[in-house]
């Protein structure tokens, strides 16, 4: 899944816990890494600049935020899909109504 750090940091700013807090770009980069790598626990593959200095770090906060981001993205995508389905249904109904109106008009003329 391709996700940008800018997209993650923008999403993180909307969270209540980050409302009055300065957002750290390193956190957004780590969260983006977790999202891109399907929540991988192989921290050795993480770029050295993303890793924490303490070698026994568990990255709990970043994993939690990555899960929340994925959940919010799924909800957003389902809302978009629902809205798109509704638009398509309305368009089909409109086209069907115009078609039936045309056939009724042709019957009246004959």
PDB file of N, CA and C in Angstrom:
ATOM      1  N   UNK A   1       0.844  -1.175   0.000  1.00  0.00           N
ATOM      2  CA  UNK A   1       0.000   0.000   0.000  1.00  0.00           C
ATOM      3  C   UNK A   1       0.890   1.239   0.000  1.00  0.00           C
ATOM      4  N   UNK A   2       0.693   2.093  -0.954  1.00  0.00           N
ATOM      5  CA  UNK A   2       1.499   3.298  -1.060  1.00  0.00           C
ATOM      6  C   UNK A   2       0.850   4.412  -0.240  1.00  0.00           C
ATOM      7  N   UNK A   3       1.585   4.931   0.690  1.00  0.00           N
ATOM      8  CA  UNK A   3       1.092   6.015   1.531  1.00  0.00           C
ATOM      9  C   UNK A   3       2.253   6.978   1.759  1.00  0.00           C
ATOM     10  N   UNK A   4       1.960   8.271   1.757  1.00  0.00           N
ATOM     11  CA  UNK A   4       3.012   9.267   1.915  1.00  0.00           C
ATOM     12  C   UNK A   4       3.105   9.726   3.365  1.00  0.00           C
ATOM     13  N   UNK A   5       4.267  10.231   3.708  1.00  0.00           N
ATOM     14  CA  UNK A   5       4.483  10.755   5.056  1.00  0.00           C
ATOM     15  C   UNK A   5       3.596  11.979   5.262  1.00  0.00           C
ATOM     16  N   UNK A   6       3.418  12.764   4.214  1.00  0.00           N
ATOM     17  CA  UNK A   6       2.566  13.950   4.308  1.00  0.00           C
ATOM     18  C   UNK A   6       1.128  13.559   4.631  1.00  0.00           C
ATOM     19  N   UNK A   7       0.651  12.495   4.002  1.00  0.00           N
ATOM     20  CA  UNK A   7      -0.703  12.013   4.258  1.00  0.00           C
ATOM     21  C   UNK A   7      -0.838  11.545   5.711  1.00  0.00           C
ATOM     22  N   UNK A   8       0.159  10.844   6.199  1.00  0.00           N
ATOM     23  CA  UNK A   8       0.146  10.364   7.593  1.00  0.00           C
ATOM     24  C   UNK A   8       0.175  11.541   8.564  1.00  0.00           C
ATOM     25  N   UNK A   9       1.058  12.509   8.338  1.00  0.00           N
ATOM     26  CA  UNK A   9       1.164  13.625   9.270  1.00  0.00           C
ATOM     27  C   UNK A   9      -0.102  14.475   9.249  1.00  0.00           C
ATOM     28  N   UNK A  10      -0.717  14.613   8.091  1.00  0.00           N
ATOM     29  CA  UNK A  10      -1.983  15.344   7.993  1.00  0.00           C
ATOM     30  C   UNK A  10      -3.060  14.628   8.800  1.00  0.00           C
ATOM     31  N   UNK A  11      -3.104  13.294   8.693  1.00  0.00           N
ATOM     32  CA  UNK A  11      -4.065  12.512   9.451  1.00  0.00           C
ATOM     33  C   UNK A  11      -3.777  12.599  10.946  1.00  0.00           C
ATOM     34  N   UNK A  12      -2.494  12.556  11.325  1.00  0.00           N
ATOM     35  CA  UNK A  12      -2.130  12.595  12.739  1.00  0.00           C
ATOM     36  C   UNK A  12      -2.533  13.924  13.382  1.00  0.00           C
ATOM     37  N   UNK A  13      -2.523  15.007  12.610  1.00  0.00           N
ATOM     38  CA  UNK A  13      -2.927  16.304  13.146  1.00  0.00           C
ATOM     39  C   UNK A  13      -4.407  16.352  13.477  1.00  0.00           C
ATOM     40  N   UNK A  14      -5.203  15.489  12.851  1.00  0.00           N
ATOM     41  CA  UNK A  14      -6.642  15.484  13.124  1.00  0.00           C
ATOM     42  C   UNK A  14      -6.981  14.726  14.400  1.00  0.00           C
ATOM     43  N   UNK A  15      -6.057  13.939  14.923  1.00  0.00           N
ATOM     44  CA  UNK A  15      -6.321  13.152  16.134  1.00  0.00           C
ATOM     45  C   UNK A  15      -6.386  14.059  17.355  1.00  0.00           C
ATOM     46  N   UNK A  16      -7.263  13.709  18.262  1.00  0.00           N
ATOM     47  CA  UNK A  16      -7.462  14.517  19.459  1.00  0.00           C
ATOM     48  C   UNK A  16      -6.201  14.577  20.323  1.00  0.00           C
ATOM     49  N   UNK A  17      -5.488  13.466  20.427  1.00  0.00           N
ATOM     50  CA  UNK A  17      -4.301  13.448  21.295  1.00  0.00           C
ATOM     51  C   UNK A  17      -3.164  14.302  20.751  1.00  0.00           C
ATOM     52  N   UNK A  18      -3.222  14.648  19.475  1.00  0.00           N
ATOM     53  CA  UNK A  18      -2.178  15.496  18.885  1.00  0.00           C
ATOM     54  C   UNK A  18      -2.652  16.922  18.639  1.00  0.00           C
ATOM     55  N   UNK A  19      -3.804  17.254  19.164  1.00  0.00           N
ATOM     56  CA  UNK A  19      -4.404  18.537  18.862  1.00  0.00           C
ATOM     57  C   UNK A  19      -3.550  19.725  19.302  1.00  0.00           C
ATOM     58  N   UNK A  20      -3.025  19.661  20.495  1.00  0.00           N
ATOM     59  CA  UNK A  20      -2.244  20.779  21.030  1.00  0.00           C
ATOM     60  C   UNK A  20      -0.771  20.437  21.153  1.00  0.00           C
ATOM     61  N   UNK A  21      -0.342  19.415  20.464  1.00  0.00           N
ATOM     62  CA  UNK A  21       1.024  18.929  20.578  1.00  0.00           C
ATOM     63  C   UNK A  21       1.743  19.153  19.258  1.00  0.00           C
ATOM     64  N   UNK A  22       2.997  19.478  19.345  1.00  0.00           N
ATOM     65  CA  UNK A  22       3.801  19.620  18.137  1.00  0.00           C
ATOM     66  C   UNK A  22       4.037  18.230  17.567  1.00  0.00           C
ATOM     67  N   UNK A  23       3.790  18.082  16.293  1.00  0.00           N
ATOM     68  CA  UNK A  23       3.913  16.777  15.649  1.00  0.00           C
ATOM     69  C   UNK A  23       5.374  16.537  15.260  1.00  0.00           C
ATOM     70  N   UNK A  24       5.873  15.387  15.632  1.00  0.00           N
ATOM     71  CA  UNK A  24       7.244  15.028  15.304  1.00  0.00           C
ATOM     72  C   UNK A  24       7.244  14.289  13.969  1.00  0.00           C
ATOM     73  N   UNK A  25       8.047  14.772  13.030  1.00  0.00           N
ATOM     74  CA  UNK A  25       8.077  14.182  11.693  1.00  0.00           C
ATOM     75  C   UNK A  25       8.607  12.750  11.719  1.00  0.00           C
ATOM     76  N   UNK A  26       9.494  12.445  12.649  1.00  0.00           N
ATOM     77  CA  UNK A  26      10.041  11.082  12.739  1.00  0.00           C
ATOM     78  C   UNK A  26       8.935  10.083  13.065  1.00  0.00           C
ATOM     79  N   UNK A  27       7.991  10.481  13.911  1.00  0.00           N
ATOM     80  CA  UNK A  27       6.865   9.591  14.227  1.00  0.00           C
ATOM     81  C   UNK A  27       6.031   9.313  12.979  1.00  0.00           C
ATOM     82  N   UNK A  28       5.777  10.341  12.203  1.00  0.00           N
ATOM     83  CA  UNK A  28       4.995  10.170  10.972  1.00  0.00           C
ATOM     84  C   UNK A  28       5.737   9.269   9.987  1.00  0.00           C
ATOM     85  N   UNK A  29       7.049   9.397   9.913  1.00  0.00           N
ATOM     86  CA  UNK A  29       7.824   8.545   9.004  1.00  0.00           C
ATOM     87  C   UNK A  29       7.779   7.090   9.462  1.00  0.00           C
ATOM     88  N   UNK A  30       7.875   6.856  10.766  1.00  0.00           N
ATOM     89  CA  UNK A  30       7.803   5.475  11.271  1.00  0.00           C
ATOM     90  C   UNK A  30       6.430   4.873  11.031  1.00  0.00           C
ATOM     91  N   UNK A  31       5.373   5.653  11.274  1.00  0.00           N
ATOM     92  CA  UNK A  31       4.015   5.158  11.039  1.00  0.00           C
ATOM     93  C   UNK A  31       3.842   4.821   9.565  1.00  0.00           C
ATOM     94  N   UNK A  32       4.333   5.681   8.689  1.00  0.00           N
ATOM     95  CA  UNK A  32       4.248   5.414   7.247  1.00  0.00           C
ATOM     96  C   UNK A  32       5.004   4.134   6.899  1.00  0.00           C
ATOM     97  N   UNK A  33       6.146   3.914   7.528  1.00  0.00           N
ATOM     98  CA  UNK A  33       6.914   2.691   7.265  1.00  0.00           C
ATOM     99  C   UNK A  33       6.108   1.460   7.676  1.00  0.00           C
ATOM    100  N   UNK A  34       5.474   1.524   8.858  1.00  0.00           N
ATOM    101  CA  UNK A  34       4.670   0.391   9.311  1.00  0.00           C
ATOM    102  C   UNK A  34       3.501   0.130   8.364  1.00  0.00           C
ATOM    103  N   UNK A  35       2.846   1.179   7.894  1.00  0.00           N
ATOM    104  CA  UNK A  35       1.712   1.003   6.978  1.00  0.00           C
ATOM    105  C   UNK A  35       2.190   0.395   5.665  1.00  0.00           C
ATOM    106  N   UNK A  36       3.289   0.889   5.147  1.00  0.00           N
ATOM    107  CA  UNK A  36       3.815   0.384   3.870  1.00  0.00           C
ATOM    108  C   UNK A  36       4.261  -1.066   3.962  1.00  0.00           C
ATOM    109  N   UNK A  37       4.769  -1.470   5.116  1.00  0.00           N
ATOM    110  CA  UNK A  37       5.317  -2.817   5.275  1.00  0.00           C
ATOM    111  C   UNK A  37       4.368  -3.759   6.017  1.00  0.00           C
ATOM    112  N   UNK A  38       3.088  -3.515   5.950  1.00  0.00           N
ATOM    113  CA  UNK A  38       2.060  -4.374   6.542  1.00  0.00           C
ATOM    114  C   UNK A  38       2.353  -4.723   8.000  1.00  0.00           C
ATOM    115  N   UNK A  39       2.663  -3.731   8.798  1.00  0.00           N
ATOM    116  CA  UNK A  39       2.884  -3.880  10.239  1.00  0.00           C
ATOM    117  C   UNK A  39       4.005  -4.863  10.555  1.00  0.00           C
ATOM    118  N   UNK A  40       5.040  -4.859   9.765  1.00  0.00           N
ATOM    119  CA  UNK A  40       6.156  -5.786   9.927  1.00  0.00           C
ATOM    120  C   UNK A  40       6.830  -5.604  11.290  1.00  0.00           C
ATOM    121  N   UNK A  41       7.213  -6.714  11.893  1.00  0.00           N
ATOM    122  CA  UNK A  41       7.951  -6.650  13.160  1.00  0.00           C
ATOM    123  C   UNK A  41       9.438  -6.850  12.943  1.00  0.00           C
ATOM    124  N   UNK A  42       9.859  -6.893  11.707  1.00  0.00           N
ATOM    125  CA  UNK A  42      11.273  -7.037  11.382  1.00  0.00           C
ATOM    126  C   UNK A  42      11.898  -5.642  11.344  1.00  0.00           C
ATOM    127  N   UNK A  43      12.353  -5.197  12.511  1.00  0.00           N
ATOM    128  CA  UNK A  43      12.874  -3.836  12.624  1.00  0.00           C
ATOM    129  C   UNK A  43      14.243  -3.676  11.979  1.00  0.00           C
ATOM    130  N   UNK A  44      14.878  -4.780  11.642  1.00  0.00           N
ATOM    131  CA  UNK A  44      16.185  -4.709  10.981  1.00  0.00           C
ATOM    132  C   UNK A  44      16.051  -4.167   9.563  1.00  0.00           C
ATOM    133  N   UNK A  45      14.884  -4.373   8.943  1.00  0.00           N
ATOM    134  CA  UNK A  45      14.676  -3.861   7.590  1.00  0.00           C
ATOM    135  C   UNK A  45      14.299  -2.386   7.595  1.00  0.00           C
ATOM    136  N   UNK A  46      13.968  -1.859   8.767  1.00  0.00           N
ATOM    137  CA  UNK A  46      13.644  -0.441   8.877  1.00  0.00           C
ATOM    138  C   UNK A  46      14.904   0.380   8.618  1.00  0.00           C
ATOM    139  N   UNK A  47      14.794   1.448   7.836  1.00  0.00           N
ATOM    140  CA  UNK A  47      15.976   2.281   7.606  1.00  0.00           C
ATOM    141  C   UNK A  47      16.565   2.781   8.921  1.00  0.00           C
ATOM    142  N   UNK A  48      17.852   2.922   8.938  1.00  0.00           N
ATOM    143  CA  UNK A  48      18.551   3.289  10.170  1.00  0.00           C
ATOM    144  C   UNK A  48      18.083   4.646  10.696  1.00  0.00           C
ATOM    145  N   UNK A  49      17.746   5.552   9.795  1.00  0.00           N
ATOM    146  CA  UNK A  49      17.301   6.875  10.225  1.00  0.00           C
ATOM    147  C   UNK A  49      15.913   6.833  10.880  1.00  0.00           C
ATOM    148  N   UNK A  50      15.140   5.788  10.646  1.00  0.00           N
ATOM    149  CA  UNK A  50      13.814   5.662  11.245  1.00  0.00           C
ATOM    150  C   UNK A  50      13.867   5.016  12.620  1.00  0.00           C
ATOM    151  N   UNK A  51      14.891   4.221  12.873  1.00  0.00           N
ATOM    152  CA  UNK A  51      14.967   3.456  14.118  1.00  0.00           C
ATOM    153  C   UNK A  51      15.196   4.361  15.314  1.00  0.00           C
ATOM    154  N   UNK A  52      14.728   3.882  16.454  1.00  0.00           N
ATOM    155  CA  UNK A  52      14.994   4.588  17.704  1.00  0.00           C
ATOM    156  C   UNK A  52      16.396   4.224  18.184  1.00  0.00           C
ATOM    157  N   UNK A  53      16.950   5.058  19.004  1.00  0.00           N
ATOM    158  CA  UNK A  53      18.329   4.828  19.448  1.00  0.00           C
ATOM    159  C   UNK A  53      18.440   3.640  20.399  1.00  0.00           C
ATOM    160  N   UNK A  54      17.399   3.421  21.181  1.00  0.00           N
ATOM    161  CA  UNK A  54      17.428   2.311  22.120  1.00  0.00           C
ATOM    162  C   UNK A  54      17.140   1.032  21.355  1.00  0.00           C
ATOM    163  N   UNK A  55      18.013   0.070  21.440  1.00  0.00           N
ATOM    164  CA  UNK A  55      17.910  -1.139  20.614  1.00  0.00           C
ATOM    165  C   UNK A  55      16.763  -2.059  21.016  1.00  0.00           C
ATOM    166  N   UNK A  56      16.212  -1.921  22.216  1.00  0.00           N
ATOM    167  CA  UNK A  56      15.123  -2.781  22.678  1.00  0.00           C
ATOM    168  C   UNK A  56      13.752  -2.114  22.525  1.00  0.00           C
ATOM    169  N   UNK A  57      13.671  -1.094  21.722  1.00  0.00           N
ATOM    170  CA  UNK A  57      12.415  -0.364  21.529  1.00  0.00           C
ATOM    171  C   UNK A  57      11.371  -1.263  20.872  1.00  0.00           C
ATOM    172  N   UNK A  58      10.127  -1.107  21.276  1.00  0.00           N
ATOM    173  CA  UNK A  58       9.036  -1.949  20.765  1.00  0.00           C
ATOM    174  C   UNK A  58       8.173  -1.230  19.732  1.00  0.00           C
ATOM    175  N   UNK A  59       8.281   0.074  19.609  1.00  0.00           N
ATOM    176  CA  UNK A  59       7.521   0.870  18.637  1.00  0.00           C
ATOM    177  C   UNK A  59       6.018   0.696  18.830  1.00  0.00           C
ATOM    178  N   UNK A  60       5.575   0.635  20.065  1.00  0.00           N
ATOM    179  CA  UNK A  60       4.158   0.430  20.358  1.00  0.00           C
ATOM    180  C   UNK A  60       3.280   1.572  19.882  1.00  0.00           C
ATOM    181  N   UNK A  61       3.716   2.797  20.130  1.00  0.00           N
ATOM    182  CA  UNK A  61       2.922   3.954  19.726  1.00  0.00           C
ATOM    183  C   UNK A  61       2.759   4.003  18.219  1.00  0.00           C
ATOM    184  N   UNK A  62       3.835   3.751  17.497  1.00  0.00           N
ATOM    185  CA  UNK A  62       3.798   3.812  16.041  1.00  0.00           C
ATOM    186  C   UNK A  62       2.919   2.700  15.453  1.00  0.00           C
ATOM    187  N   UNK A  63       3.009   1.511  16.041  1.00  0.00           N
ATOM    188  CA  UNK A  63       2.182   0.393  15.570  1.00  0.00           C
ATOM    189  C   UNK A  63       0.694   0.693  15.822  1.00  0.00           C
ATOM    190  N   UNK A  64       0.396   1.258  16.975  1.00  0.00           N
ATOM    191  CA  UNK A  64      -0.976   1.620  17.315  1.00  0.00           C
ATOM    192  C   UNK A  64      -1.515   2.663  16.328  1.00  0.00           C
ATOM    193  N   UNK A  65      -0.705   3.687  16.061  1.00  0.00           N
ATOM    194  CA  UNK A  65      -1.138   4.732  15.130  1.00  0.00           C
ATOM    195  C   UNK A  65      -1.297   4.190  13.711  1.00  0.00           C
ATOM    196  N   UNK A  66      -0.437   3.266  13.315  1.00  0.00           N
ATOM    197  CA  UNK A  66      -0.551   2.671  11.984  1.00  0.00           C
ATOM    198  C   UNK A  66      -1.852   1.874  11.868  1.00  0.00           C
ATOM    199  N   UNK A  67      -2.207   1.136  12.915  1.00  0.00           N
ATOM    200  CA  UNK A  67      -3.481   0.405  12.924  1.00  0.00           C
ATOM    201  C   UNK A  67      -4.666   1.357  12.833  1.00  0.00           C
ATOM    202  N   UNK A  68      -4.613   2.442  13.609  1.00  0.00           N
ATOM    203  CA  UNK A  68      -5.700   3.419  13.572  1.00  0.00           C
ATOM    204  C   UNK A  68      -5.806   4.069  12.197  1.00  0.00           C
ATOM    205  N   UNK A  69      -4.670   4.342  11.562  1.00  0.00           N
ATOM    206  CA  UNK A  69      -4.685   4.944  10.225  1.00  0.00           C
ATOM    207  C   UNK A  69      -5.335   3.992   9.224  1.00  0.00           C
ATOM    208  N   UNK A  70      -4.953   2.714   9.283  1.00  0.00           N
ATOM    209  CA  UNK A  70      -5.532   1.731   8.365  1.00  0.00           C
ATOM    210  C   UNK A  70      -7.039   1.603   8.571  1.00  0.00           C
ATOM    211  N   UNK A  71      -7.480   1.610   9.832  1.00  0.00           N
ATOM    212  CA  UNK A  71      -8.909   1.530  10.114  1.00  0.00           C
ATOM    213  C   UNK A  71      -9.641   2.746   9.566  1.00  0.00           C
ATOM    214  N   UNK A  72      -9.083   3.933   9.788  1.00  0.00           N
ATOM    215  CA  UNK A  72      -9.745   5.148   9.312  1.00  0.00           C
ATOM    216  C   UNK A  72      -9.771   5.190   7.789  1.00  0.00           C
ATOM    217  N   UNK A  73      -8.730   4.673   7.170  1.00  0.00           N
ATOM    218  CA  UNK A  73      -8.683   4.651   5.711  1.00  0.00           C
ATOM    219  C   UNK A  73      -9.725   3.680   5.150  1.00  0.00           C
ATOM    220  N   UNK A  74      -9.881   2.531   5.802  1.00  0.00           N
ATOM    221  CA  UNK A  74     -10.899   1.565   5.369  1.00  0.00           C
ATOM    222  C   UNK A  74     -12.299   2.145   5.511  1.00  0.00           C
ATOM    223  N   UNK A  75     -12.545   2.852   6.610  1.00  0.00           N
ATOM    224  CA  UNK A  75     -13.850   3.484   6.816  1.00  0.00           C
ATOM    225  C   UNK A  75     -14.088   4.532   5.741  1.00  0.00           C
ATOM    226  N   UNK A  76     -13.076   5.325   5.470  1.00  0.00           N
ATOM    227  CA  UNK A  76     -13.189   6.378   4.457  1.00  0.00           C
ATOM    228  C   UNK A  76     -13.453   5.771   3.080  1.00  0.00           C
ATOM    229  N   UNK A  77     -12.741   4.704   2.750  1.00  0.00           N
ATOM    230  CA  UNK A  77     -12.932   4.052   1.451  1.00  0.00           C
ATOM    231  C   UNK A  77     -14.326   3.443   1.344  1.00  0.00           C
ATOM    232  N   UNK A  78     -14.836   2.871   2.437  1.00  0.00           N
ATOM    233  CA  UNK A  78     -16.180   2.285   2.385  1.00  0.00           C
ATOM    234  C   UNK A  78     -17.234   3.378   2.233  1.00  0.00           C
ATOM    235  N   UNK A  79     -17.013   4.537   2.855  1.00  0.00           N
ATOM    236  CA  UNK A  79     -17.945   5.649   2.686  1.00  0.00           C
ATOM    237  C   UNK A  79     -17.937   6.146   1.248  1.00  0.00           C
ATOM    238  N   UNK A  80     -16.761   6.233   0.649  1.00  0.00           N
ATOM    239  CA  UNK A  80     -16.652   6.667  -0.737  1.00  0.00           C
ATOM    240  C   UNK A  80     -17.331   5.652  -1.649  1.00  0.00           C
ATOM    241  N   UNK A  81     -17.099   4.377  -1.374  1.00  0.00           N
ATOM    242  CA  UNK A  81     -17.714   3.324  -2.189  1.00  0.00           C
ATOM    243  C   UNK A  81     -19.232   3.373  -2.082  1.00  0.00           C
ATOM    244  N   UNK A  82     -19.744   3.581  -0.873  1.00  0.00           N
ATOM    245  CA  UNK A  82     -21.190   3.663  -0.666  1.00  0.00           C
ATOM    246  C   UNK A  82     -21.782   4.847  -1.426  1.00  0.00           C
ATOM    247  N   UNK A  83     -21.093   5.974  -1.374  1.00  0.00           N
ATOM    248  CA  UNK A  83     -21.573   7.165  -2.073  1.00  0.00           C
ATOM    249  C   UNK A  83     -21.542   6.954  -3.585  1.00  0.00           C
ATOM    250  N   UNK A  84     -20.489   6.317  -4.075  1.00  0.00           N
ATOM    251  CA  UNK A  84     -20.382   6.032  -5.507  1.00  0.00           C
ATOM    252  C   UNK A  84     -21.497   5.095  -5.963  1.00  0.00           C
ATOM    253  N   UNK A  85     -21.788   4.073  -5.170  1.00  0.00           N
ATOM    254  CA  UNK A  85     -22.883   3.158  -5.511  1.00  0.00           C
ATOM    255  C   UNK A  85     -24.221   3.909  -5.576  1.00  0.00           C
ATOM    256  N   UNK A  86     -24.417   4.824  -4.634  1.00  0.00           N
ATOM    257  CA  UNK A  86     -25.652   5.594  -4.611  1.00  0.00           C
ATOM    258  C   UNK A  86     -25.767   6.467  -5.864  1.00  0.00           C
ATOM    259  N   UNK A  87     -24.688   7.103  -6.270  1.00  0.00           N
ATOM    260  CA  UNK A  87     -24.693   7.940  -7.475  1.00  0.00           C
ATOM    261  C   UNK A  87     -24.993   7.100  -8.705  1.00  0.00           C
ATOM    262  N   UNK A  88     -24.388   5.922  -8.790  1.00  0.00           N
ATOM    263  CA  UNK A  88     -24.623   5.039  -9.937  1.00  0.00           C
ATOM    264  C   UNK A  88     -26.088   4.600  -9.984  1.00  0.00           C
ATOM    265  N   UNK A  89     -26.661   4.242  -8.837  1.00  0.00           N
ATOM    266  CA  UNK A  89     -28.062   3.836  -8.787  1.00  0.00           C
ATOM    267  C   UNK A  89     -28.974   4.964  -9.252  1.00  0.00           C
ATOM    268  N   UNK A  90     -28.702   6.179  -8.779  1.00  0.00           N
ATOM    269  CA  UNK A  90     -29.528   7.317  -9.183  1.00  0.00           C
ATOM    270  C   UNK A  90     -29.422   7.573 -10.681  1.00  0.00           C
ATOM    271  N   UNK A  91     -28.231   7.429 -11.224  1.00  0.00           N
ATOM    272  CA  UNK A  91     -28.038   7.640 -12.666  1.00  0.00           C
ATOM    273  C   UNK A  91     -28.780   6.578 -13.476  1.00  0.00           C
ATOM    274  N   UNK A  92     -28.732   5.325 -13.022  1.00  0.00           N
ATOM    275  CA  UNK A  92     -29.450   4.254 -13.708  1.00  0.00           C
ATOM    276  C   UNK A  92     -30.957   4.514 -13.657  1.00  0.00           C
ATOM    277  N   UNK A  93     -31.458   4.931 -12.494  1.00  0.00           N
ATOM    278  CA  UNK A  93     -32.884   5.245 -12.379  1.00  0.00           C
ATOM    279  C   UNK A  93     -33.281   6.383 -13.325  1.00  0.00           C
ATOM    280  N   UNK A  94     -32.429   7.410 -13.400  1.00  0.00           N
ATOM    281  CA  UNK A  94     -32.710   8.543 -14.275  1.00  0.00           C
ATOM    282  C   UNK A  94     -32.730   8.099 -15.732  1.00  0.00           C
ATOM    283  N   UNK A  95     -31.743   7.297 -16.136  1.00  0.00           N
ATOM    284  CA  UNK A  95     -31.700   6.816 -17.514  1.00  0.00           C
ATOM    285  C   UNK A  95     -32.898   5.920 -17.829  1.00  0.00           C
ATOM    286  N   UNK A  96     -33.271   5.068 -16.895  1.00  0.00           N
ATOM    287  CA  UNK A  96     -34.416   4.188 -17.091  1.00  0.00           C
ATOM    288  C   UNK A  96     -35.697   5.004 -17.217  1.00  0.00           C
ATOM    289  N   UNK A  97     -35.808   6.052 -16.398  1.00  0.00           N
ATOM    290  CA  UNK A  97     -37.001   6.900 -16.442  1.00  0.00           C
ATOM    291  C   UNK A  97     -37.093   7.630 -17.781  1.00  0.00           C
ATOM    292  N   UNK A  98     -35.986   8.136 -18.292  1.00  0.00           N
ATOM    293  CA  UNK A  98     -36.020   8.820 -19.590  1.00  0.00           C
ATOM    294  C   UNK A  98     -36.327   7.835 -20.714  1.00  0.00           C
ATOM    295  N   UNK A  99     -35.839   6.624 -20.595  1.00  0.00           N
ATOM    296  CA  UNK A  99     -36.101   5.611 -21.626  1.00  0.00           C
ATOM    297  C   UNK A  99     -37.580   5.233 -21.641  1.00  0.00           C
ATOM    298  N   UNK A 100     -38.154   5.016 -20.477  1.00  0.00           N
ATOM    299  CA  UNK A 100     -39.571   4.668 -20.424  1.00  0.00           C
ATOM    300  C   UNK A 100     -40.432   5.844 -20.880  1.00  0.00           C
ATOM    301  N   UNK A 101     -39.998   7.046 -20.586  1.00  0.00           N
ATOM    302  CA  UNK A 101     -40.743   8.226 -21.031  1.00  0.00           C
ATOM    303  C   UNK A 101     -40.726   8.316 -22.552  1.00  0.00           C
ATOM    304  N   UNK A 102     -39.584   8.031 -23.169  1.00  0.00           N
ATOM    305  CA  UNK A 102     -39.470   8.062 -24.625  1.00  0.00           C
ATOM    306  C   UNK A 102     -40.381   7.023 -25.270  1.00  0.00           C
ATOM    307  N   UNK A 103     -40.390   5.812 -24.703  1.00  0.00           N
ATOM    308  CA  UNK A 103     -41.233   4.765 -25.281  1.00  0.00           C
ATOM    309  C   UNK A 103     -42.712   5.111 -25.131  1.00  0.00           C
ATOM    310  N   UNK A 104     -43.092   5.751 -24.038  1.00  0.00           N
ATOM    311  CA  UNK A 104     -44.477   6.171 -23.844  1.00  0.00           C
ATOM    312  C   UNK A 104     -44.836   7.271 -24.836  1.00  0.00           C
ATOM    313  N   UNK A 105     -43.896   8.202 -25.083  1.00  0.00           N
ATOM    314  CA  UNK A 105     -44.139   9.286 -26.041  1.00  0.00           C
ATOM    315  C   UNK A 105     -44.313   8.722 -27.441  1.00  0.00           C
ATOM    316  N   UNK A 106     -43.526   7.723 -27.818  1.00  0.00           N
ATOM    317  CA  UNK A 106     -43.638   7.115 -29.145  1.00  0.00           C
ATOM    318  C   UNK A 106     -44.979   6.414 -29.314  1.00  0.00           C
ATOM    319  N   UNK A 107     -45.467   5.785 -28.265  1.00  0.00           N
ATOM    320  CA  UNK A 107     -46.756   5.088 -28.321  1.00  0.00           C
ATOM    321  C   UNK A 107     -47.905   6.079 -28.502  1.00  0.00           C
ATOM    322  N   UNK A 108     -47.809   7.224 -27.870  1.00  0.00           N
ATOM    323  CA  UNK A 108     -48.847   8.236 -27.958  1.00  0.00           C
ATOM    324  C   UNK A 108     -48.896   8.824 -29.361  1.00  0.00           C
ATOM    325  N   UNK A 109     -47.723   9.060 -29.987  1.00  0.00           N
ATOM    326  CA  UNK A 109     -47.647   9.658 -31.313  1.00  0.00           C
ATOM    327  C   UNK A 109     -48.270   8.739 -32.357  1.00  0.00           C
ATOM    328  N   UNK A 110     -48.090   7.470 -32.290  1.00  0.00           N
ATOM    329  CA  UNK A 110     -48.583   6.527 -33.305  1.00  0.00           C
ATOM    330  C   UNK A 110     -50.026   6.414 -33.238  1.00  0.00           C
TER     331      UNK A 110
END
